[in-house]
N, C-alpha and C. Protein backbone atom coordinates (compact mmCIF):
# COMPACT_ATOMS: atom_id res chain seq x y z
N MET A 1 0.84 -1.18 -0.01
CA MET A 1 -0.02 -0.01 0.05
C MET A 1 0.93 1.24 0.04
N ALA A 2 0.51 2.26 -0.74
CA ALA A 2 1.26 3.45 -0.80
C ALA A 2 1.26 4.19 0.48
N ASP A 3 2.24 4.99 0.74
CA ASP A 3 2.25 5.82 1.95
C ASP A 3 1.13 6.89 1.90
N LEU A 4 0.68 7.31 2.95
CA LEU A 4 -0.38 8.34 3.01
C LEU A 4 0.18 9.69 2.49
N TYR A 5 1.50 9.92 2.86
CA TYR A 5 2.03 11.21 2.45
C TYR A 5 3.56 11.04 2.47
N ASN A 6 4.30 12.00 1.88
CA ASN A 6 5.78 11.97 1.91
C ASN A 6 6.28 12.48 3.21
N ILE A 7 6.81 11.51 4.02
CA ILE A 7 7.27 11.89 5.37
C ILE A 7 8.61 12.69 5.30
N THR A 8 9.23 12.66 4.15
CA THR A 8 10.47 13.43 4.00
C THR A 8 10.31 14.81 3.39
N ALA A 9 9.08 15.13 3.09
CA ALA A 9 8.81 16.48 2.52
C ALA A 9 9.22 17.55 3.46
N PRO A 10 9.64 18.68 3.02
CA PRO A 10 10.09 19.70 3.94
C PRO A 10 8.93 20.31 4.72
N LYS A 11 9.22 20.76 5.87
CA LYS A 11 8.14 21.51 6.74
C LYS A 11 7.79 22.79 6.10
N LYS A 12 6.53 23.22 6.29
CA LYS A 12 6.03 24.44 5.79
C LYS A 12 5.30 25.21 6.87
N ALA A 13 5.62 26.47 7.06
CA ALA A 13 4.92 27.28 8.13
C ALA A 13 3.44 27.38 7.67
N ALA A 14 2.52 27.37 8.70
CA ALA A 14 1.08 27.61 8.44
C ALA A 14 0.55 28.42 9.57
N ASN A 15 -0.32 29.38 9.17
CA ASN A 15 -1.02 30.21 10.20
C ASN A 15 -2.35 29.51 10.60
N LEU A 16 -2.50 29.32 11.89
CA LEU A 16 -3.69 28.66 12.42
C LEU A 16 -4.36 29.53 13.51
N SER A 17 -5.68 29.34 13.64
CA SER A 17 -6.40 29.95 14.67
C SER A 17 -6.74 28.86 15.64
N VAL A 18 -6.45 29.06 16.92
CA VAL A 18 -6.65 28.10 17.95
C VAL A 18 -7.32 28.72 19.19
N ASN A 19 -8.19 28.01 19.78
CA ASN A 19 -8.85 28.59 21.03
C ASN A 19 -7.75 28.99 21.93
N SER A 20 -7.84 30.21 22.50
CA SER A 20 -6.75 30.78 23.28
C SER A 20 -6.55 29.99 24.59
N ASP A 21 -7.61 29.50 25.21
CA ASP A 21 -7.45 28.84 26.51
C ASP A 21 -6.83 27.45 26.22
N LEU A 22 -7.22 26.82 25.16
CA LEU A 22 -6.62 25.59 24.81
C LEU A 22 -5.14 25.66 24.53
N LEU A 23 -4.77 26.77 23.80
CA LEU A 23 -3.37 26.97 23.49
C LEU A 23 -2.56 27.26 24.77
N LYS A 24 -3.12 28.02 25.68
CA LYS A 24 -2.44 28.34 26.88
C LYS A 24 -2.22 27.12 27.73
N LYS A 25 -3.25 26.28 27.85
CA LYS A 25 -3.07 25.06 28.68
C LYS A 25 -2.18 24.01 27.98
N THR A 26 -2.14 23.91 26.66
CA THR A 26 -1.15 23.03 26.07
C THR A 26 0.22 23.51 26.22
N ARG A 27 0.40 24.77 26.02
CA ARG A 27 1.81 25.35 26.21
C ARG A 27 2.23 25.14 27.63
N ALA A 28 1.36 25.27 28.59
CA ALA A 28 1.72 25.11 30.05
C ALA A 28 2.18 23.66 30.33
N LEU A 29 1.78 22.73 29.52
CA LEU A 29 2.13 21.31 29.65
C LEU A 29 3.22 20.94 28.63
N ASN A 30 3.82 21.95 27.99
CA ASN A 30 4.90 21.73 27.03
C ASN A 30 4.57 20.68 25.94
N ILE A 31 3.29 20.74 25.49
CA ILE A 31 2.87 19.92 24.40
C ILE A 31 3.38 20.54 23.10
N ASN A 32 4.06 19.64 22.30
CA ASN A 32 4.59 20.08 21.02
C ASN A 32 3.48 20.19 20.05
N LEU A 33 3.10 21.45 19.72
CA LEU A 33 1.95 21.76 18.86
C LEU A 33 2.14 21.15 17.47
N SER A 34 3.29 21.32 16.86
CA SER A 34 3.52 20.85 15.50
C SER A 34 3.40 19.30 15.40
N ALA A 35 4.06 18.60 16.35
CA ALA A 35 3.95 17.13 16.38
C ALA A 35 2.52 16.61 16.59
N THR A 36 1.86 17.33 17.56
CA THR A 36 0.49 16.92 17.81
C THR A 36 -0.44 17.15 16.64
N LEU A 37 -0.23 18.26 16.04
CA LEU A 37 -1.07 18.57 14.82
C LEU A 37 -0.79 17.59 13.71
N GLU A 38 0.49 17.30 13.45
CA GLU A 38 0.86 16.38 12.41
C GLU A 38 0.23 14.97 12.72
N ARG A 39 0.27 14.51 13.91
CA ARG A 39 -0.29 13.22 14.31
C ARG A 39 -1.75 13.23 14.09
N ALA A 40 -2.42 14.30 14.53
CA ALA A 40 -3.87 14.38 14.27
C ALA A 40 -4.27 14.38 12.88
N LEU A 41 -3.55 15.15 12.07
CA LEU A 41 -3.81 15.22 10.61
C LEU A 41 -3.56 13.87 9.93
N LYS A 42 -2.53 13.21 10.39
CA LYS A 42 -2.21 11.86 9.81
C LYS A 42 -3.32 10.92 10.08
N GLU A 43 -3.82 10.88 11.26
CA GLU A 43 -4.97 10.00 11.66
C GLU A 43 -6.19 10.35 10.87
N GLU A 44 -6.48 11.68 10.73
CA GLU A 44 -7.66 12.06 10.01
C GLU A 44 -7.53 11.70 8.47
N LEU A 45 -6.34 11.89 7.93
CA LEU A 45 -6.05 11.59 6.56
C LEU A 45 -6.23 10.08 6.33
N ALA A 46 -5.77 9.24 7.22
CA ALA A 46 -5.91 7.74 7.11
C ALA A 46 -7.34 7.36 7.20
N LYS A 47 -8.11 7.98 8.10
CA LYS A 47 -9.52 7.66 8.16
C LYS A 47 -10.27 8.03 6.93
N ARG A 48 -10.06 9.25 6.43
CA ARG A 48 -10.72 9.66 5.21
C ARG A 48 -10.34 8.86 3.97
N LYS A 49 -9.10 8.43 3.91
CA LYS A 49 -8.62 7.59 2.77
C LYS A 49 -9.30 6.23 2.81
N ALA A 50 -9.38 5.68 4.06
CA ALA A 50 -10.08 4.39 4.24
C ALA A 50 -11.53 4.50 3.80
N ASP A 51 -12.19 5.56 4.29
CA ASP A 51 -13.56 5.81 3.92
C ASP A 51 -13.74 5.92 2.40
N GLN A 52 -12.78 6.64 1.70
CA GLN A 52 -12.79 6.81 0.33
C GLN A 52 -12.61 5.44 -0.44
N TRP A 53 -11.74 4.57 0.11
CA TRP A 53 -11.51 3.32 -0.44
C TRP A 53 -12.73 2.47 -0.37
N VAL A 54 -13.41 2.45 0.83
CA VAL A 54 -14.65 1.67 0.92
C VAL A 54 -15.70 2.19 -0.04
N GLU A 55 -15.90 3.47 -0.20
CA GLU A 55 -16.87 4.04 -1.13
C GLU A 55 -16.54 3.63 -2.58
N GLU A 56 -15.25 3.72 -2.96
CA GLU A 56 -14.76 3.46 -4.33
C GLU A 56 -14.95 1.93 -4.56
N ASN A 57 -14.94 1.08 -3.62
CA ASN A 57 -15.02 -0.34 -3.81
C ASN A 57 -16.31 -0.97 -3.28
N ARG A 58 -17.24 -0.15 -3.02
CA ARG A 58 -18.51 -0.63 -2.48
C ARG A 58 -19.17 -1.65 -3.36
N THR A 59 -19.20 -1.52 -4.65
CA THR A 59 -19.85 -2.42 -5.55
C THR A 59 -19.15 -3.75 -5.54
N ALA A 60 -17.83 -3.71 -5.62
CA ALA A 60 -17.06 -4.98 -5.57
C ALA A 60 -17.15 -5.71 -4.25
N ILE A 61 -17.21 -5.03 -3.18
CA ILE A 61 -17.42 -5.60 -1.78
C ILE A 61 -18.76 -6.26 -1.79
N ARG A 62 -19.74 -5.57 -2.23
CA ARG A 62 -21.16 -6.14 -2.27
C ARG A 62 -21.20 -7.34 -3.08
N SER A 63 -20.60 -7.33 -4.29
CA SER A 63 -20.62 -8.50 -5.17
C SER A 63 -19.91 -9.69 -4.53
N TYR A 64 -18.75 -9.41 -3.94
CA TYR A 64 -17.98 -10.55 -3.26
C TYR A 64 -18.82 -11.13 -2.12
N ASN A 65 -19.42 -10.26 -1.29
CA ASN A 65 -20.31 -10.76 -0.16
C ASN A 65 -21.42 -11.66 -0.71
N GLU A 66 -22.06 -11.20 -1.80
CA GLU A 66 -23.13 -11.95 -2.37
C GLU A 66 -22.66 -13.29 -2.97
N PHE A 67 -21.47 -13.36 -3.55
CA PHE A 67 -20.95 -14.61 -4.03
C PHE A 67 -20.63 -15.56 -2.84
N VAL A 68 -20.05 -15.06 -1.81
CA VAL A 68 -19.76 -15.91 -0.61
C VAL A 68 -21.05 -16.40 0.03
N GLU A 69 -22.08 -15.58 0.05
CA GLU A 69 -23.34 -15.98 0.58
C GLU A 69 -23.94 -17.13 -0.20
N GLN A 70 -23.79 -17.03 -1.47
CA GLN A 70 -24.38 -18.10 -2.41
C GLN A 70 -23.53 -19.35 -2.49
N HIS A 71 -22.22 -19.16 -2.54
CA HIS A 71 -21.28 -20.31 -2.78
C HIS A 71 -20.36 -20.65 -1.68
N GLY A 72 -20.37 -19.90 -0.59
CA GLY A 72 -19.50 -20.13 0.50
C GLY A 72 -18.06 -19.59 0.17
N CYS A 73 -17.20 -19.70 1.11
CA CYS A 73 -15.84 -19.21 0.97
C CYS A 73 -14.90 -20.33 0.62
N PHE A 74 -13.91 -20.08 -0.20
CA PHE A 74 -12.91 -21.11 -0.62
C PHE A 74 -12.32 -21.73 0.63
N GLY A 75 -12.36 -23.09 0.65
CA GLY A 75 -11.69 -23.77 1.76
C GLY A 75 -12.73 -24.04 2.88
N ASP A 76 -13.94 -23.63 2.82
CA ASP A 76 -14.89 -23.82 3.90
C ASP A 76 -14.93 -25.27 4.25
N GLU A 77 -14.84 -26.21 3.34
CA GLU A 77 -14.98 -27.61 3.72
C GLU A 77 -13.78 -28.13 4.65
N PHE A 78 -12.69 -27.37 4.66
CA PHE A 78 -11.59 -27.76 5.42
C PHE A 78 -11.39 -27.08 6.83
N ARG A 79 -12.33 -26.11 7.00
CA ARG A 79 -12.29 -25.37 8.26
C ARG A 79 -12.73 -26.20 9.43
N GLU A 80 -12.11 -26.03 10.59
CA GLU A 80 -12.39 -26.79 11.81
C GLU A 80 -12.92 -25.93 12.89
N PHE A 81 -13.37 -24.72 12.56
CA PHE A 81 -13.89 -23.79 13.49
C PHE A 81 -15.26 -23.30 13.10
C-alpha cells in the first residue's frame, strides 16, 4: 500500500487559529503543537482515505459478499472452527 504522504517532504509554516485557552493550557504542559497537529492530521487523513477506499470499492465488496453468501468461501470444507 502506498504511503499516506511523503514523510521526507520539507516542513512548511502555516497560520492557524486556535482557542486561546486551549493553546495556553497546552503550552503550560509543554505539548509540542507541531507534532500533535501532524499526528492528528495523519490520523484524519488515514480515516478519510479508508472511507474513500470503501466508497470506491462498495460495488465490488457487495458482489463478493453476495458470491460468498451463495457459494461459500474457498476452503470452507476444510475449516475446523
